Protein backbone atom coordinates (compact mmCIF):
# COMPACT_ATOMS: atom_id res chain seq x y z
CA MET A 1 9.51 51.75 16.26
CA LYS A 2 6.26 51.55 14.34
CA VAL A 3 8.15 50.82 11.14
CA ARG A 4 10.07 47.99 12.81
CA SER A 5 6.85 46.51 14.25
CA ALA A 6 5.20 46.68 10.86
CA LEU A 7 8.17 44.94 9.26
CA HIS A 8 8.13 42.33 12.02
CA LEU A 9 4.43 41.63 11.49
CA CYS A 10 4.96 41.42 7.75
CA PHE A 11 7.80 38.94 8.22
CA VAL A 12 5.67 36.78 10.53
CA ALA A 13 2.82 36.83 8.03
CA ILE A 14 5.14 35.78 5.21
CA VAL A 15 6.59 32.91 7.28
CA ALA A 16 3.14 31.78 8.37
CA THR A 17 1.92 31.86 4.78
CA ALA A 18 4.94 29.87 3.64
CA VAL A 19 4.43 27.25 6.35
CA LEU A 20 0.75 26.88 5.46
CA ALA A 21 1.65 26.66 1.78
CA TYR A 22 4.25 23.96 2.51
CA CYS A 23 1.81 21.93 4.59
CA ALA A 24 -0.98 22.31 2.06
CA ALA A 25 1.14 21.83 -1.06
CA PRO A 26 1.44 18.01 -0.84
CA ALA A 27 -2.31 17.72 -0.41
CA VAL A 28 -3.03 20.08 -3.31
CA LEU A 29 -0.39 18.44 -5.49
CA GLY A 30 -1.78 15.07 -4.52
CA LEU A 31 -5.25 16.16 -5.58
CA LEU A 32 -3.96 17.57 -8.83
CA GLY A 33 -1.85 14.50 -9.58
CA SER A 34 -4.28 11.94 -8.28
CA GLY A 35 -7.20 12.97 -10.39
CA MET A 36 -9.30 14.53 -7.66
CA ILE A 37 -8.65 17.82 -9.49
CA GLY A 38 -7.97 18.09 -13.21
CA TRP A 39 -8.06 14.35 -13.88
CA ARG A 40 -10.55 13.22 -16.50
CA PRO A 41 -13.21 11.07 -14.75
CA ALA A 42 -13.50 7.43 -15.70
CA LYS A 43 -16.15 6.75 -18.32
CA VAL A 44 -17.36 3.62 -16.54
CA LYS A 45 -18.42 3.67 -12.88
CA ARG A 46 -19.26 0.57 -10.86
CA PRO A 47 -20.67 1.65 -7.46
CA GLY A 48 -20.93 -1.15 -4.93
CA VAL A 49 -18.09 -3.11 -6.57
CA GLN A 50 -14.62 -3.71 -5.12
CA ILE A 51 -11.64 -5.21 -6.94
CA VAL A 52 -10.13 -7.80 -4.60
CA GLY A 53 -7.31 -9.24 -6.72
CA PRO A 54 -4.97 -8.27 -9.55
CA PHE A 55 -5.86 -8.55 -13.22
CA SER A 56 -4.79 -11.73 -14.96
CA GLU A 57 -5.58 -12.55 -18.59
CA GLY A 58 -7.69 -9.39 -18.68
CA LEU A 59 -9.94 -10.29 -15.74
CA ALA A 60 -9.84 -9.35 -12.05
CA PRO A 61 -11.90 -10.80 -9.19
CA ILE A 62 -14.51 -8.42 -7.75
CA ARG A 63 -16.81 -8.43 -4.74
CA GLU A 64 -20.19 -6.79 -4.50
CA SER A 65 -20.59 -5.12 -1.12
CA ASP A 66 -24.24 -6.03 -0.67
CA HIS A 67 -23.79 -9.82 -0.63
CA TRP A 68 -19.99 -10.40 -0.62
CA ARG A 69 -19.96 -12.84 -3.51
CA LEU A 70 -17.07 -12.94 -5.98
CA GLY A 71 -17.16 -12.50 -9.74
CA PHE A 72 -14.85 -11.06 -12.42
CA ILE A 73 -14.57 -7.71 -14.20
CA ASP A 74 -12.65 -6.88 -17.39
CA THR A 75 -10.40 -3.86 -18.01
CA ASN A 76 -13.29 -1.94 -19.60
CA GLY A 77 -15.42 -2.25 -16.50
CA ALA A 78 -17.80 -4.87 -17.87
CA VAL A 79 -18.79 -7.60 -15.41
CA ALA A 80 -17.62 -10.66 -17.34
CA ILE A 81 -18.71 -13.20 -14.70
CA GLN A 82 -21.48 -12.35 -12.26
CA PRO A 83 -20.58 -12.52 -8.54
CA ARG A 84 -21.71 -15.91 -7.27
CA TYR A 85 -18.61 -17.55 -5.77
CA PHE A 86 -17.44 -17.71 -2.17
CA ALA A 87 -13.72 -17.69 -3.05
CA SER A 88 -11.59 -17.66 -6.19
CA GLY A 89 -8.08 -17.64 -7.57
CA GLN A 90 -6.66 -16.00 -10.70
CA PHE A 91 -7.26 -16.90 -14.31
CA ALA A 92 -4.37 -18.77 -15.92
CA GLN A 93 -4.41 -20.67 -19.17
CA GLY A 94 -8.07 -19.71 -19.55
CA LEU A 95 -9.28 -21.25 -16.28
CA ALA A 96 -9.73 -20.02 -12.69
CA PRO A 97 -10.21 -22.01 -9.47
CA VAL A 98 -13.40 -21.12 -7.57
CA GLN A 99 -15.28 -22.26 -4.50
CA VAL A 100 -19.07 -22.02 -4.59
CA GLU A 101 -19.79 -22.18 -0.85
CA ALA A 102 -17.77 -21.95 2.34
CA ASN A 103 -16.13 -25.22 3.37
CA ARG A 104 -17.29 -26.85 0.13
CA ALA A 105 -15.44 -28.18 -2.90
CA TRP A 106 -13.40 -26.24 -5.46
CA GLY A 107 -13.54 -26.52 -9.24
CA PHE A 108 -12.39 -24.58 -12.32
CA ILE A 109 -14.42 -22.20 -14.52
CA ASP A 110 -13.75 -20.75 -17.96
CA ARG A 111 -14.00 -17.09 -18.96
CA ASN A 112 -17.79 -17.43 -19.33
CA GLY A 113 -18.18 -18.65 -15.76
CA ALA A 114 -19.04 -22.21 -16.82
CA PHE A 115 -17.49 -25.09 -14.87
CA VAL A 116 -14.93 -26.93 -17.00
CA ILE A 117 -13.84 -29.03 -14.01
CA PRO A 118 -16.76 -29.55 -11.58
CA PRO A 119 -16.19 -28.80 -7.88
CA ARG A 120 -14.67 -31.87 -6.23
CA PHE A 121 -11.42 -30.71 -4.62
CA ASP A 122 -10.77 -29.53 -1.03
CA ALA A 123 -8.70 -26.65 -2.45
CA ALA A 124 -7.21 -25.63 -5.80
CA LEU A 125 -4.61 -23.23 -7.19
CA SER A 126 -4.17 -21.81 -10.69
CA PHE A 127 -2.82 -23.75 -13.69
CA THR A 128 0.79 -23.58 -14.82
CA GLU A 129 2.09 -25.63 -17.73
CA ASP A 130 -1.31 -27.37 -18.10
CA LEU A 131 -1.32 -28.72 -14.54
CA ALA A 132 -2.93 -27.26 -11.40
CA PRO A 133 -2.29 -28.10 -7.73
CA VAL A 134 -5.37 -29.57 -6.02
CA ARG A 135 -5.92 -30.90 -2.53
CA LEU A 136 -7.79 -34.07 -1.60
CA GLY A 137 -8.04 -35.47 1.90
CA GLY A 138 -5.41 -33.12 3.31
CA VAL A 139 -2.69 -33.85 0.73
CA TRP A 140 -1.89 -32.32 -2.65
CA GLY A 141 -1.63 -33.59 -6.19
CA PHE A 142 -2.07 -32.17 -9.71
CA THR A 143 -5.01 -32.21 -12.11
CA ASP A 144 -4.95 -31.67 -15.85
CA ARG A 145 -7.40 -29.51 -17.80
CA THR A 146 -9.91 -32.36 -18.11
CA GLY A 147 -10.12 -32.78 -14.34
CA THR A 148 -8.13 -36.02 -14.38
CA LEU A 149 -5.75 -36.38 -11.43
CA ARG A 150 -2.48 -36.70 -13.36
CA ILE A 151 -0.26 -36.79 -10.25
CA ALA A 152 -1.68 -38.53 -7.19
CA ALA A 153 -2.39 -36.49 -4.06
CA ARG A 154 0.43 -37.41 -1.67
CA TYR A 155 2.34 -34.19 -0.92
CA HIS A 156 1.96 -31.94 2.12
CA GLU A 157 2.83 -28.76 0.22
CA VAL A 158 3.06 -27.93 -3.48
CA TRP A 159 3.87 -25.11 -5.91
CA GLY A 160 3.04 -24.77 -9.59
CA PHE A 161 5.15 -26.24 -12.39
CA SER A 162 7.99 -24.21 -13.87
CA GLU A 163 10.17 -25.48 -16.69
CA GLY A 164 8.73 -28.97 -16.31
CA ARG A 165 9.50 -29.25 -12.63
CA ALA A 166 7.35 -28.60 -9.54
CA ARG A 167 8.47 -27.94 -5.99
CA VAL A 168 6.74 -30.24 -3.51
CA ALA A 169 7.25 -30.87 0.20
CA VAL A 170 6.82 -33.93 2.39
CA ASP A 171 7.12 -33.56 6.16
CA GLY A 172 8.60 -30.09 5.76
CA ARG A 173 11.38 -31.06 3.32
CA VAL A 174 11.35 -29.84 -0.29
CA GLY A 175 12.18 -31.66 -3.52
CA PHE A 176 11.19 -31.59 -7.22
CA ILE A 177 9.00 -33.83 -9.37
CA ASP A 178 8.48 -34.01 -13.14
CA THR A 179 5.13 -33.87 -14.95
CA ALA A 180 4.67 -37.62 -14.46
CA GLY A 181 5.04 -37.29 -10.69
CA ASN A 182 8.49 -38.92 -10.59
CA TRP A 183 11.05 -37.62 -8.12
CA VAL A 184 13.82 -35.71 -9.90
CA VAL A 185 15.20 -34.33 -6.66
CA PRO A 186 14.21 -36.18 -3.45
CA PRO A 187 12.69 -34.05 -0.65
CA THR A 188 15.83 -33.33 1.35
CA PHE A 189 16.08 -29.52 1.31
CA PHE A 190 14.85 -26.99 3.85
CA LYS A 191 14.04 -24.34 1.22
CA ALA A 192 13.93 -24.13 -2.57
CA GLY A 193 12.85 -21.86 -5.41
CA ASP A 194 11.26 -22.53 -8.78
CA PHE A 195 13.40 -23.33 -11.81
CA ARG A 196 14.42 -20.23 -13.76
CA ALA A 197 16.66 -20.44 -16.83
CA GLY A 198 17.35 -24.10 -16.09
CA LEU A 199 18.51 -23.63 -12.48
CA ALA A 200 16.79 -23.66 -9.09
CA VAL A 201 18.06 -22.37 -5.77
CA VAL A 202 18.05 -24.95 -2.93
CA CYS A 203 19.11 -24.52 0.68
CA GLU A 204 20.43 -27.07 3.10
CA ARG A 205 20.51 -26.25 6.82
CA ALA A 206 22.83 -23.24 6.52
CA GLN A 207 24.05 -23.00 2.91
CA CYS A 208 22.39 -22.43 -0.47
CA GLY A 209 23.39 -23.47 -3.98
CA PHE A 210 21.85 -24.15 -7.40
CA LEU A 211 20.65 -27.34 -9.12
CA ASP A 212 20.03 -28.08 -12.80
CA ARG A 213 16.87 -29.81 -14.04
CA ALA A 214 18.51 -33.23 -13.59
CA GLY A 215 19.08 -32.52 -9.89
CA ARG A 216 22.84 -32.01 -10.16
CA PHE A 217 24.59 -29.19 -8.32
CA VAL A 218 25.87 -26.60 -10.80
CA ILE A 219 26.85 -24.20 -8.03
CA ALA A 220 27.67 -25.94 -4.76
CA PRO A 221 25.95 -24.82 -1.54
CA ARG A 222 28.23 -22.12 -0.14
CA TYR A 223 26.06 -19.02 0.24
CA ASP A 224 24.21 -17.88 3.35
CA ASP A 225 21.10 -17.18 1.26
CA ALA A 226 20.20 -16.99 -2.42
CA ARG A 227 17.38 -16.19 -4.83
CA SER A 228 16.42 -17.19 -8.35
CA PHE A 229 18.27 -16.46 -11.58
CA GLY A 230 17.20 -13.70 -13.95
CA SER A 231 19.09 -12.00 -16.78
CA GLY A 232 21.86 -14.59 -16.27
CA LEU A 233 22.50 -13.56 -12.64
CA ALA A 234 21.27 -14.63 -9.20
CA PRO A 235 21.43 -12.70 -5.91
CA VAL A 236 23.43 -14.44 -3.17
CA ARG A 237 24.24 -13.42 0.38
CA VAL A 238 27.77 -13.72 1.77
CA GLY A 239 27.72 -12.87 5.44
CA GLN A 240 25.50 -9.80 5.75
CA ARG A 241 25.95 -8.49 2.20
CA TRP A 242 24.31 -9.39 -1.10
CA GLY A 243 25.91 -9.67 -4.52
CA TYR A 244 25.21 -11.52 -7.79
CA VAL A 245 26.72 -14.67 -9.30
CA GLU A 246 26.81 -15.98 -12.85
CA ARG A 247 25.77 -19.52 -13.82
CA THR A 248 29.38 -20.64 -13.40
CA GLY A 249 29.35 -19.50 -9.77
CA ARG A 250 31.65 -16.57 -10.47
CA MET A 251 30.80 -13.46 -8.45
CA ALA A 252 29.81 -10.99 -11.16
CA ILE A 253 28.62 -8.14 -8.89
CA ALA A 254 30.41 -7.78 -5.57
CA PRO A 255 28.42 -8.32 -2.36
CA VAL A 256 27.95 -4.69 -1.29
CA PHE A 257 24.16 -4.45 -0.86
CA ASP A 258 22.08 -4.83 2.30
CA GLU A 259 19.22 -6.28 0.23
CA ALA A 260 18.99 -7.65 -3.30
CA GLU A 261 16.23 -9.20 -5.40
CA ALA A 262 16.17 -11.26 -8.58
CA PHE A 263 16.32 -9.47 -11.94
CA SER A 264 13.02 -8.60 -13.56
CA GLU A 265 12.96 -7.00 -17.00
CA ASP A 266 16.77 -6.66 -16.80
CA LEU A 267 16.62 -4.54 -13.64
CA ALA A 268 17.12 -5.72 -10.06
CA ARG A 269 15.99 -3.95 -6.90
CA VAL A 270 18.78 -3.44 -4.38
CA ALA A 271 19.00 -1.57 -1.09
CA VAL A 272 21.67 0.15 0.98
CA ALA A 273 21.09 1.08 4.62
CA LYS A 274 21.58 4.80 5.28
CA ASP A 275 21.03 7.19 8.16
CA ALA A 276 19.23 9.69 5.91
CA SER A 277 18.57 10.52 2.29
CA PHE A 278 17.26 13.55 0.43
CA ASP A 279 16.31 13.87 -3.21
CA LEU A 280 14.09 16.43 -4.92
CA LYS A 281 12.22 13.67 -6.78
CA PHE A 282 11.93 11.01 -4.08
CA GLY A 283 11.72 13.21 -0.98
CA GLY A 284 13.71 13.41 2.21
CA TYR A 285 13.97 10.86 5.00
CA SER A 286 15.77 10.70 8.31
CA GLY A 287 16.46 7.72 10.52
CA ARG A 288 18.36 4.62 9.52
CA ALA A 289 16.51 2.59 6.92
CA PRO A 290 17.12 0.63 3.69
CA PHE A 291 16.97 2.89 0.62
CA TYR A 292 16.13 1.23 -2.67
CA GLY A 293 17.35 1.60 -6.22
CA PHE A 294 17.84 -0.52 -9.36
CA ILE A 295 20.92 -1.95 -11.07
CA ASP A 296 21.37 -3.41 -14.56
CA PRO A 297 23.16 -6.74 -15.26
CA THR A 298 26.54 -4.95 -15.37
CA GLY A 299 26.02 -3.76 -11.79
CA ARG A 300 25.54 -0.14 -12.87
CA LEU A 301 23.15 1.79 -10.66
CA VAL A 302 20.44 2.87 -13.10
CA LEU A 303 18.15 4.39 -10.47
CA GLY A 304 19.99 5.49 -7.33
CA THR A 305 19.27 4.10 -3.85
CA LYS A 306 17.08 7.03 -2.85
CA MET A 307 13.63 5.46 -2.50
CA LEU A 308 12.13 4.30 0.77
CA GLY A 309 10.22 1.62 -1.12
CA ALA A 310 9.88 0.22 -4.65
CA THR A 311 8.52 -2.94 -6.27
CA ALA A 312 10.16 -5.04 -8.97
CA PHE A 313 9.56 -3.74 -12.49
CA SER A 314 6.45 -5.10 -14.18
CA GLU A 315 5.62 -4.17 -17.76
CA GLY A 316 8.04 -1.26 -17.62
CA PHE A 317 6.87 0.27 -14.33
CA THR A 318 7.72 0.13 -10.63
CA VAL A 319 5.55 1.29 -7.73
CA VAL A 320 7.50 3.86 -5.69
CA ARG A 321 6.79 4.82 -2.09
CA LEU A 322 7.16 8.55 -1.32
CA PRO A 323 6.56 10.82 1.68
CA SER A 324 3.22 12.62 1.47
CA GLY A 325 4.79 15.77 2.96
CA GLY A 326 3.25 18.26 5.33
CA LEU A 327 3.44 17.76 9.07
CA CYS A 328 2.86 13.99 8.97
CA SER A 329 6.22 12.22 9.12
CA ASP A 330 4.73 8.72 8.77
CA CYS A 331 2.36 9.37 5.86
CA TYR A 332 3.16 8.04 2.40
CA LEU A 333 1.83 8.07 -1.12
CA TYR A 334 2.58 5.84 -4.09
CA ARG A 335 3.35 6.53 -7.73
CA LEU A 336 4.08 4.50 -10.86
CA MET A 337 7.50 5.18 -12.37
CA SER A 338 8.96 4.10 -15.72
CA ARG A 339 12.43 2.67 -16.39
CA ALA A 340 13.50 6.18 -17.43
CA GLY A 341 12.61 7.46 -13.95
CA GLU A 342 9.52 9.33 -15.13
CA PHE A 343 6.33 9.32 -13.04
CA LEU A 344 2.90 8.65 -14.46
CA PRO A 345 0.22 11.17 -13.47
CA GLY A 346 -1.39 10.38 -10.13
CA ARG A 347 -0.44 10.22 -6.47
CA PHE A 348 -2.25 7.38 -4.75
CA ASP A 349 -2.96 5.96 -1.31
CA LEU A 350 -2.17 2.57 -2.87
CA VAL A 351 -1.46 1.33 -6.37
CA SER A 352 -0.85 -2.18 -7.70
CA PRO A 353 1.91 -3.16 -10.15
CA MET A 354 1.10 -2.88 -13.85
CA VAL A 355 -0.32 -6.20 -15.16
CA GLY A 356 -1.87 -6.66 -18.57
CA GLY A 357 -1.48 -2.97 -19.32
CA VAL A 358 -3.51 -1.82 -16.30
CA ALA A 359 -3.06 -1.11 -12.59
CA VAL A 360 -5.53 -0.60 -9.75
CA ALA A 361 -5.09 2.72 -7.88
CA THR A 362 -6.87 3.85 -4.71
CA ILE A 363 -7.58 7.43 -3.62
CA GLY A 364 -9.64 7.87 -0.48
CA GLN A 365 -12.86 5.88 -0.83
CA ARG A 366 -12.56 5.39 -4.58
CA SER A 367 -10.41 3.11 -6.71
CA TYR A 368 -9.60 3.24 -10.41
CA VAL A 369 -8.38 0.94 -13.16
CA ILE A 370 -5.71 3.02 -14.91
CA ASP A 371 -3.83 2.37 -18.14
CA ARG A 372 -0.16 2.81 -19.05
CA THR A 373 -0.65 6.56 -19.56
CA GLY A 374 -2.20 6.99 -16.10
CA ALA A 375 -5.70 7.60 -17.50
CA ALA A 376 -8.64 6.28 -15.49
CA LEU A 377 -10.66 3.63 -17.31
CA VAL A 378 -13.03 2.37 -14.60
CA GLU A 379 -14.09 3.73 -11.20
CA VAL A 380 -15.09 1.34 -8.38
CA ASP A 381 -15.42 1.44 -4.59
CA HIS A 382 -12.34 1.50 -2.34
CA SER A 383 -10.35 -1.62 -3.24
CA LEU A 384 -7.35 -3.42 -1.79
CA PRO A 385 -6.29 -5.99 -4.40
CA GLN A 386 -4.47 -8.94 -2.84
CA ASP A 387 -2.53 -11.66 -4.59
CA PRO A 388 -4.95 -14.61 -4.30
CA ALA A 389 -2.16 -17.14 -4.86
CA TYR A 390 -0.22 -15.72 -1.91
CA ALA A 391 -3.30 -15.55 0.29
CA ALA A 392 -4.30 -19.10 -0.61
CA ARG A 393 -0.75 -20.31 -0.03
CA GLN A 394 -0.77 -18.99 3.52
CA VAL A 395 -3.98 -20.84 4.31
CA VAL A 396 -3.98 -24.00 2.26
CA ASN A 397 -0.33 -24.92 2.71
CA ARG A 398 -0.02 -24.26 6.44
CA ARG A 399 0.15 -27.64 8.15
CA PHE A 400 0.76 -28.77 11.72
CA GLY A 401 2.21 -32.00 13.01
CA TYR A 402 3.93 -33.25 16.15
CA ILE A 403 7.56 -34.15 16.81
CA ASP A 404 9.25 -35.82 19.76
CA GLU A 405 12.24 -34.52 21.73
CA THR A 406 14.68 -35.93 19.15
CA GLY A 407 13.03 -34.00 16.30
CA THR A 408 11.47 -37.12 14.80
CA THR A 409 8.04 -36.57 13.23
CA VAL A 410 5.57 -38.59 15.29
CA LEU A 411 2.34 -37.28 13.72
CA ALA A 412 2.59 -36.09 10.11
CA PHE A 413 1.96 -32.51 9.05
CA THR A 414 -1.66 -32.99 8.02
CA TYR A 415 -3.58 -30.74 10.43
CA TYR A 416 -4.89 -27.27 9.60
CA HIS A 417 -4.91 -26.31 13.29
CA ALA A 418 -3.27 -27.90 16.32
CA GLN A 419 -2.89 -27.22 20.04
CA PRO A 420 -0.39 -28.55 22.59
CA PHE A 421 -0.95 -31.92 24.26
CA ALA A 422 -2.42 -31.76 27.76
CA GLU A 423 -3.50 -34.73 29.85
CA GLY A 424 -2.67 -37.02 26.94
CA LEU A 425 -4.89 -35.28 24.36
CA ALA A 426 -4.51 -32.45 21.83
CA PHE A 427 -7.15 -30.55 19.88
CA VAL A 428 -6.67 -30.61 16.07
CA GLU A 429 -8.60 -29.73 12.94
CA GLY A 430 -8.08 -31.71 9.76
CA PRO A 431 -9.30 -31.47 6.15
CA ARG A 432 -12.98 -31.44 5.32
CA GLN A 433 -14.28 -34.56 3.61
CA GLY A 434 -17.68 -33.90 2.08
CA LYS A 435 -19.76 -32.18 4.74
CA SER A 436 -17.65 -33.37 7.68
CA ARG A 437 -14.08 -32.91 8.81
CA ARG A 438 -11.69 -34.47 11.29
CA ARG A 439 -11.99 -32.16 14.28
CA GLY A 440 -11.48 -32.90 17.96
CA PHE A 441 -8.99 -34.27 20.48
CA ILE A 442 -6.48 -36.90 19.39
CA ASP A 443 -4.23 -39.15 21.44
CA ARG A 444 -0.48 -39.56 20.97
CA ALA A 445 -1.08 -42.14 18.23
CA GLY A 446 -3.19 -39.67 16.25
CA ALA A 447 -6.50 -41.46 16.90
CA LEU A 448 -9.55 -39.20 17.26
CA VAL A 449 -10.68 -39.77 20.85
CA VAL A 450 -13.07 -36.87 21.48
CA PRO A 451 -14.87 -35.52 18.37
CA VAL A 452 -15.84 -31.83 18.55
CA ALA A 453 -18.79 -30.54 16.52
CA ASP A 454 -18.53 -27.51 14.22
CA SER A 455 -21.00 -25.70 16.49
CA VAL A 456 -18.18 -25.45 19.05
CA SER A 457 -16.11 -22.50 17.87
CA GLN A 458 -13.23 -23.02 20.31
CA ALA A 459 -11.90 -25.83 22.49
CA LEU A 460 -8.89 -25.30 24.76
CA PRO A 461 -6.53 -28.01 26.10
CA PHE A 462 -7.89 -30.21 28.90
CA SER A 463 -7.23 -29.08 32.46
CA GLU A 464 -8.33 -31.27 35.36
CA GLY A 465 -10.38 -33.39 32.99
CA LEU A 466 -12.34 -30.53 31.42
CA SER A 467 -11.89 -28.46 28.26
CA LEU A 468 -13.04 -24.84 28.12
CA ILE A 469 -15.24 -24.45 25.02
CA SER A 470 -17.15 -21.61 23.41
CA ARG A 471 -20.26 -21.43 21.24
CA SER A 472 -22.00 -18.62 19.41
CA VAL A 473 -25.30 -17.86 21.13
CA GLY A 474 -27.37 -15.02 19.72
CA GLY A 475 -24.33 -13.64 17.93
CA SER A 476 -22.16 -13.57 21.07
CA SER A 477 -19.66 -16.10 22.42
CA ARG A 478 -20.73 -18.10 25.46
CA TYR A 479 -18.37 -20.34 27.43
CA GLY A 480 -18.80 -23.71 29.11
CA PHE A 481 -16.89 -26.93 29.78
CA MET A 482 -16.68 -30.35 28.10
CA ASP A 483 -15.40 -33.60 29.63
CA ARG A 484 -13.28 -36.31 27.99
CA SER A 485 -16.36 -38.14 26.71
CA GLY A 486 -17.38 -35.05 24.71
CA ALA A 487 -20.32 -34.25 27.00
CA GLU A 488 -20.95 -30.58 27.77
CA VAL A 489 -21.03 -30.96 31.57
CA VAL A 490 -21.19 -27.19 32.19
CA PRO A 491 -23.44 -25.56 29.55
CA ALA A 492 -22.02 -22.63 27.56
CA ARG A 493 -23.77 -19.79 29.40
CA PHE A 494 -20.94 -17.57 30.64
CA ALA A 495 -19.71 -14.36 28.97
CA ASN A 496 -16.10 -15.34 29.73
CA ALA A 497 -14.23 -18.05 31.59
CA ALA A 498 -10.81 -19.48 32.42
CA PRO A 499 -9.68 -23.15 32.54
CA PHE A 500 -10.04 -25.17 35.74
CA ALA A 501 -7.23 -25.06 38.32
CA ASP A 502 -7.28 -26.35 41.89
CA GLY A 503 -10.83 -27.59 41.31
CA LEU A 504 -12.29 -24.19 40.44
CA ALA A 505 -12.78 -22.09 37.30
CA ALA A 506 -13.23 -18.33 37.08
CA VAL A 507 -16.37 -17.34 35.12
CA LYS A 508 -17.95 -14.01 34.17
CA GLN A 509 -21.71 -13.52 34.06
CA SER A 510 -22.20 -10.56 31.68
CA ARG A 511 -20.49 -8.82 28.75
CA ASP A 512 -20.23 -5.58 30.75
CA LEU A 513 -16.47 -5.10 31.11
CA GLY A 514 -16.87 -2.81 34.11
CA ALA A 515 -19.22 -5.07 36.05
CA ASN A 516 -18.17 -6.81 39.28
CA ASP A 517 -19.46 -10.19 38.12
CA TRP A 518 -16.53 -12.60 38.02
CA GLY A 519 -16.89 -15.57 40.36
CA TYR A 520 -15.88 -19.23 40.63
CA ILE A 521 -17.63 -22.54 39.87
CA ASP A 522 -16.76 -26.16 40.58
CA SER A 523 -16.65 -28.98 38.01
CA THR A 524 -20.45 -29.48 38.22
CA GLY A 525 -21.11 -25.84 37.35
CA LYS A 526 -22.18 -24.94 40.89
CA THR A 527 -21.25 -21.44 42.07
CA VAL A 528 -18.70 -21.77 44.88
CA ILE A 529 -17.55 -18.14 45.17
CA ALA A 530 -20.21 -15.54 44.38
CA PRO A 531 -19.64 -13.30 41.33
CA HIS A 532 -18.63 -9.95 42.77
CA TYR A 533 -15.16 -9.31 41.32
CA ARG A 534 -14.21 -7.06 38.41
CA ALA A 535 -11.42 -9.46 37.41
CA ALA A 536 -10.43 -12.93 38.57
CA GLY A 537 -7.45 -15.17 37.86
CA SER A 538 -7.00 -18.93 38.08
CA PHE A 539 -6.14 -20.58 41.38
CA SER A 540 -2.56 -21.71 41.98
CA HIS A 541 -1.33 -23.20 45.28
CA GLY A 542 -4.65 -22.37 46.87
CA LEU A 543 -4.71 -18.67 45.94
CA ALA A 544 -6.12 -16.60 43.07
CA TYR A 545 -5.79 -12.89 42.40
CA VAL A 546 -9.04 -10.90 42.17
CA GLU A 547 -9.94 -7.26 41.56
CA ARG A 548 -12.90 -5.34 42.90
CA VAL A 549 -13.96 -1.77 42.05
CA SER A 550 -16.20 0.11 44.45
CA ASN A 551 -19.37 1.44 42.85
CA ASP A 552 -19.12 4.67 44.82
CA SER A 553 -15.51 5.44 43.83
CA LYS A 554 -14.98 8.80 42.17
CA ILE A 555 -12.26 10.43 40.14
CA THR A 556 -11.64 14.05 41.04
């Protein structure tokens, strides 16, 4: 009996030790692989510096945490351009777009930080083929390297030049122009991609095809979706499955994938949905999800669809997403893998693609510039590099307009922000011109009827002749009401408020969320119903819901 108990205890101890070892192993392996243990420290350390964008032409944008200005660092850790800019893009063709102050003009600097094109644009993106997109007065054109506007600003959305053609959009429709600004393809398409190998994907309402540089269809629109050519092939979707076509339109790789991307460095990322997958290298997963792999131009699966995530190959490496192991089922780590399927040293919380022979890897509160061997070159503070072109695209190319019930554009897509019409007016924000910008309520003809100052941080649609506005007072938002003449008839003094309805508006006196201090005012600001509710809704048909919490209530 004693022998059996001893054996039982021994077995339990062994199992417990194994479980602890399994749970701890990923963390220990992560430390060993990541450089926290056994990884040669970086020779250069830059405390207080964060890398905020990818390297391009050997330079990456950085931010200093003490004053949040942007500069540039090189791959050796030297600060090439001191942080003094409010915003920036990437270097391309030796120049980078920068903004000196918030809501001020953009210009272009060289690698020494000197302005080659002085700040005079509302926004700017990086150069491609000696031309850069710039915005003036809410519309886009292109400047050359001398700062001369080579293509007039008249487009609502633009992309950089590729193979002598640039995608541009007018009123939401996409076409192509040449370097002189002439239309090669009129803006008639709903979606389009850049020219690659002489062809560009374009999509009509429901079908996609491919144009040549003269604007002629080489492959007629017959696919449900499509992406750009690479390695002589382009991914196309037929129904719910993706395959690849040649330039003649012949299906070269059958549509058998749930996802497919364009070829990069002669490898294309594809995905197949599975209920589960297990692999000693890439880990085990359960639950239906797309699993990624890579094919070559013959359609041969070079790296099997066993990864939960992977990026397109860049300079011979892909970033692979792996389970971190242990008891956390939703925790992941990232590694750099070569075309041969070999991992570089290091297991990271995040790692960027390899660009210019380096990548930016993050472990905990530290980040590192690593080379193609995985060695750390530079150590900086925790960094999350973002693609500045993508970030800028989301902001600078988002435009609002207004259409009627037939779908006809009534007010062009020129506004950065827009709200619905109410009582004949709508609040919009337009481009900044100098130190001012078009901001306020417009009528149905687009005329600015009620200007709204920048000191007003928010203005909601009119209700019963009044707009609920907010201002920053002492670092906190305070709410009041403005009439159709722009006068602040009820000063912004409330901690919260709701629009007027049935002649009354609910307002809150303090920022204490648990206080019984919601009440109601009339259009003159006079208190009509005393503030003694914990919550209060707007009136409708003579009634409003309210909530009150007794101060002597207890939870037992």
